[in-house]
């Protein structure tokens, strides 16, 4: 009996030793600019989720969601991405409309879970006569860099509100930082549209004097343009408590949902690593909410029903559902569609980075 017990202990020690000695997976996650919220969410995932799962997760800057979709699809080592819901849907719409490149990019991608709502900031000069979002028609606007989710959001919102696209002459594709310079110093644009979950570092670092130079335009719920925008986006508020140094009151605005995205991997080692990541995401969720970016407090640990064409990644969904419910979960069926023939590029394809002009 003693020998059997000793052998059991020794075998356990050998197993633990070999597990500890096993090389850690080295993965990457694409986020957004260093002054945005995505990169902080990525850092939280690396520390509180990936590390306990035995994964070294490198957090990469990017232009934003549209670029993230492409890098998730093609860049070696990138296993995770943060993507806005309207950007993901735009790729699906382009694929459905017949864009072969969009179909090739988006169809193998899968969702892990929805995260939180990202606020949309319409920033104007403090002395601007503009007060409400629906007043930006025909103004010179920074819509965010090409390849960014912000650019797609800005153009989609403009189209919804005014039922016509923003003109090429009025759209400038600038980074957030460059847009604020053009707005307040050069004064060559009238509005900068910025998408970031609050509190965003870009604004949180501002001093009280900022209110002398910039202001945030408000959503007027009574405007017909606002009603049209709310067909796709949702009303919310930029809270003064998020930026106490320069905001004195809450500002009504619109939001877009952020998602954590991966690829439909089949390699067993990758499937196993991502399943452990999902398990760690569930079991360490309380640590994310307690220690991570304040946005984590708005995230719900759940997997809601998805729109047509959107699919969860089966192995991670199974592990998450089992962990959430405390019982066995299930995967999602997959399907494939043949991409339609390519056609001439549109302005939206240019923004998404899938234009061959």
Foldseek 3Di string as FASTA:
>chain_A
DVVVVVVVVVVVVVVVVVVVVDQAAEAEEEFEDPQFVRQQVQVLLQPQFQVVLRYRYHYHYDQAALLRLQCLQDPPRHFKYKHFPLSLVVLVVVQVVFAQLSQSRNLQKAFLAWFFWWFKWKKFWLPDPAAAPLPCPPFQEEQEAQSHPSNVLSQVLVCQLVVDGHDPVRYDHDHPVVRLCCRFPVVPGGIYIDIHHFPGSVQQPDAQCVSNTMDTHAHDCPDVSSVSSCVQWAKDWDQCVRRVRHDDGIGIGTITIMTMMGGLDDPPVVLSSLLSSLLSCLVSLVVCCVPGDVSSVRTDLDHDDDDPSHAHRFSSQQSSVCSVVVHGRGGDDGDGDDRHHRDADDPSCRSSVNHPD
